[in-house]
Amino acid sequence: MIEILKISLIAYMFSALGEEGKIFHFYRRLICRLPEWLCRPMGGCFICFTGQVCLWYFIFTKPFNIVELLFFVSAGIFASMVWNKLYQWLKI
């Protein structure tokens, strides 16, 4: 469970730091030139990006079980949405 929180926080912050004036803005500008279906899971959308990171992390590190995979990805996306609310609340 702690693994999901760590992965979702890292994925969320990578996307959040792509905003205008932040350290990864150059990357956001670069991927936004791609079609939307490719841009979003590469960091253009924090939910899509977190889902992709959780999916591939689970596939490469865990024995495959479809129910656990769905839980892992869903929990990662939910945690990322919580991080977003917290970030928006703290960001005056």
C-alpha atoms as a PDB file:
ATOM      1  CA  MET A   1       0.000   0.000   0.000  1.00  0.00           C
ATOM      2  CA  ILE A   2       2.814   2.415   0.835  1.00  0.00           C
ATOM      3  CA  GLU A   3       4.238   1.618  -2.584  1.00  0.00           C
ATOM      4  CA  ILE A   4       1.076   2.966  -4.232  1.00  0.00           C
ATOM      5  CA  LEU A   5       1.328   6.230  -2.288  1.00  0.00           C
ATOM      6  CA  LYS A   6       4.973   6.682  -3.257  1.00  0.00           C
ATOM      7  CA  ILE A   7       4.414   5.970  -6.938  1.00  0.00           C
ATOM      8  CA  SER A   8       1.330   8.171  -7.157  1.00  0.00           C
ATOM      9  CA  LEU A   9       3.098  11.065  -5.412  1.00  0.00           C
ATOM     10  CA  ILE A  10       6.106  10.871  -7.718  1.00  0.00           C
ATOM     11  CA  ALA A  11       3.905  10.626 -10.816  1.00  0.00           C
ATOM     12  CA  TYR A  12       1.666  13.476  -9.656  1.00  0.00           C
ATOM     13  CA  MET A  13       4.561  15.789  -8.831  1.00  0.00           C
ATOM     14  CA  PHE A  14       6.181  15.059 -12.198  1.00  0.00           C
ATOM     15  CA  SER A  15       2.993  16.261 -13.879  1.00  0.00           C
ATOM     16  CA  ALA A  16       2.461  19.189 -11.488  1.00  0.00           C
ATOM     17  CA  LEU A  17       6.008  20.426 -12.042  1.00  0.00           C
ATOM     18  CA  GLY A  18       5.220  20.682 -15.749  1.00  0.00           C
ATOM     19  CA  GLU A  19       3.135  23.813 -15.162  1.00  0.00           C
ATOM     20  CA  GLU A  20       4.215  27.172 -16.544  1.00  0.00           C
ATOM     21  CA  GLY A  21       7.362  28.398 -14.802  1.00  0.00           C
ATOM     22  CA  LYS A  22       8.185  25.065 -13.142  1.00  0.00           C
ATOM     23  CA  ILE A  23      11.197  22.815 -13.737  1.00  0.00           C
ATOM     24  CA  PHE A  24       9.545  20.345 -16.162  1.00  0.00           C
ATOM     25  CA  HIS A  25       7.680  22.918 -18.253  1.00  0.00           C
ATOM     26  CA  PHE A  26      10.030  22.254 -21.189  1.00  0.00           C
ATOM     27  CA  TYR A  27       8.930  18.598 -21.169  1.00  0.00           C
ATOM     28  CA  ARG A  28       5.237  19.554 -21.036  1.00  0.00           C
ATOM     29  CA  ARG A  29       5.696  21.863 -24.048  1.00  0.00           C
ATOM     30  CA  LEU A  30       7.496  19.072 -25.899  1.00  0.00           C
ATOM     31  CA  ILE A  31       4.851  16.394 -25.331  1.00  0.00           C
ATOM     32  CA  CYS A  32       1.970  18.785 -26.014  1.00  0.00           C
ATOM     33  CA  ARG A  33       3.079  18.821 -29.657  1.00  0.00           C
ATOM     34  CA  LEU A  34       2.105  15.159 -29.873  1.00  0.00           C
ATOM     35  CA  PRO A  35      -1.473  13.976 -30.491  1.00  0.00           C
ATOM     36  CA  GLU A  36      -3.623  14.145 -27.351  1.00  0.00           C
ATOM     37  CA  TRP A  37      -3.952  10.358 -27.046  1.00  0.00           C
ATOM     38  CA  LEU A  38      -0.165  10.178 -26.714  1.00  0.00           C
ATOM     39  CA  CYS A  39       0.432  13.401 -24.782  1.00  0.00           C
ATOM     40  CA  ARG A  40      -1.907  12.671 -21.892  1.00  0.00           C
ATOM     41  CA  PRO A  41      -0.379   9.366 -20.667  1.00  0.00           C
ATOM     42  CA  MET A  42       3.139  10.773 -21.062  1.00  0.00           C
ATOM     43  CA  GLY A  43       2.556  13.547 -18.537  1.00  0.00           C
ATOM     44  CA  GLY A  44      -0.011  15.898 -20.017  1.00  0.00           C
ATOM     45  CA  CYS A  45      -2.677  14.627 -17.606  1.00  0.00           C
ATOM     46  CA  PHE A  46      -1.752  13.664 -14.054  1.00  0.00           C
ATOM     47  CA  ILE A  47      -4.479  11.013 -13.863  1.00  0.00           C
ATOM     48  CA  CYS A  48      -3.464   9.362 -17.139  1.00  0.00           C
ATOM     49  CA  PHE A  49       0.233   9.552 -16.290  1.00  0.00           C
ATOM     50  CA  THR A  50      -0.251   8.061 -12.822  1.00  0.00           C
ATOM     51  CA  GLY A  51      -2.324   5.250 -14.294  1.00  0.00           C
ATOM     52  CA  GLN A  52       0.399   4.463 -16.818  1.00  0.00           C
ATOM     53  CA  VAL A  53       3.176   4.525 -14.228  1.00  0.00           C
ATOM     54  CA  CYS A  54       1.202   2.258 -11.876  1.00  0.00           C
ATOM     55  CA  LEU A  55       0.295  -0.112 -14.707  1.00  0.00           C
ATOM     56  CA  TRP A  56       3.851  -0.581 -15.935  1.00  0.00           C
ATOM     57  CA  TYR A  57       5.311  -0.708 -12.436  1.00  0.00           C
ATOM     58  CA  PHE A  58       2.913  -3.514 -11.525  1.00  0.00           C
ATOM     59  CA  ILE A  59       3.539  -5.450 -14.757  1.00  0.00           C
ATOM     60  CA  PHE A  60       7.323  -5.355 -14.329  1.00  0.00           C
ATOM     61  CA  THR A  61       7.547  -5.956 -10.573  1.00  0.00           C
ATOM     62  CA  LYS A  62       4.622  -8.131  -9.484  1.00  0.00           C
ATOM     63  CA  PRO A  63       3.264 -11.556 -10.406  1.00  0.00           C
ATOM     64  CA  PHE A  64       0.313 -11.014 -12.723  1.00  0.00           C
ATOM     65  CA  ASN A  65      -3.125 -11.101 -11.142  1.00  0.00           C
ATOM     66  CA  ILE A  66      -5.825  -9.090 -12.894  1.00  0.00           C
ATOM     67  CA  VAL A  67      -7.708  -8.172  -9.712  1.00  0.00           C
ATOM     68  CA  GLU A  68      -4.535  -6.941  -7.985  1.00  0.00           C
ATOM     69  CA  LEU A  69      -3.524  -5.052 -11.130  1.00  0.00           C
ATOM     70  CA  LEU A  70      -6.865  -3.253 -11.296  1.00  0.00           C
ATOM     71  CA  PHE A  71      -6.713  -2.429  -7.585  1.00  0.00           C
ATOM     72  CA  PHE A  72      -3.122  -1.175  -7.838  1.00  0.00           C
ATOM     73  CA  VAL A  73      -3.855   1.135 -10.768  1.00  0.00           C
ATOM     74  CA  SER A  74      -7.175   2.359  -9.328  1.00  0.00           C
ATOM     75  CA  ALA A  75      -5.647   3.050  -5.917  1.00  0.00           C
ATOM     76  CA  GLY A  76      -2.757   4.895  -7.567  1.00  0.00           C
ATOM     77  CA  ILE A  77      -5.145   7.103  -9.537  1.00  0.00           C
ATOM     78  CA  PHE A  78      -7.261   7.763  -6.444  1.00  0.00           C
ATOM     79  CA  ALA A  79      -4.160   8.699  -4.423  1.00  0.00           C
ATOM     80  CA  SER A  80      -3.057  11.002  -7.238  1.00  0.00           C
ATOM     81  CA  MET A  81      -6.427  12.753  -7.132  1.00  0.00           C
ATOM     82  CA  VAL A  82      -5.989  13.220  -3.378  1.00  0.00           C
ATOM     83  CA  TRP A  83      -2.499  14.664  -3.975  1.00  0.00           C
ATOM     84  CA  ASN A  84      -4.052  17.052  -6.513  1.00  0.00           C
ATOM     85  CA  LYS A  85      -6.660  18.301  -4.018  1.00  0.00           C
ATOM     86  CA  LEU A  86      -3.960  18.787  -1.401  1.00  0.00           C
ATOM     87  CA  TYR A  87      -1.694  20.592  -3.876  1.00  0.00           C
ATOM     88  CA  GLN A  88      -4.509  22.883  -5.013  1.00  0.00           C
ATOM     89  CA  TRP A  89      -5.452  23.629  -1.404  1.00  0.00           C
ATOM     90  CA  LEU A  90      -1.866  24.492  -0.438  1.00  0.00           C
ATOM     91  CA  LYS A  91      -1.198  26.489  -3.614  1.00  0.00           C
ATOM     92  CA  ILE A  92      -2.691  29.850  -2.692  1.00  0.00           C
END
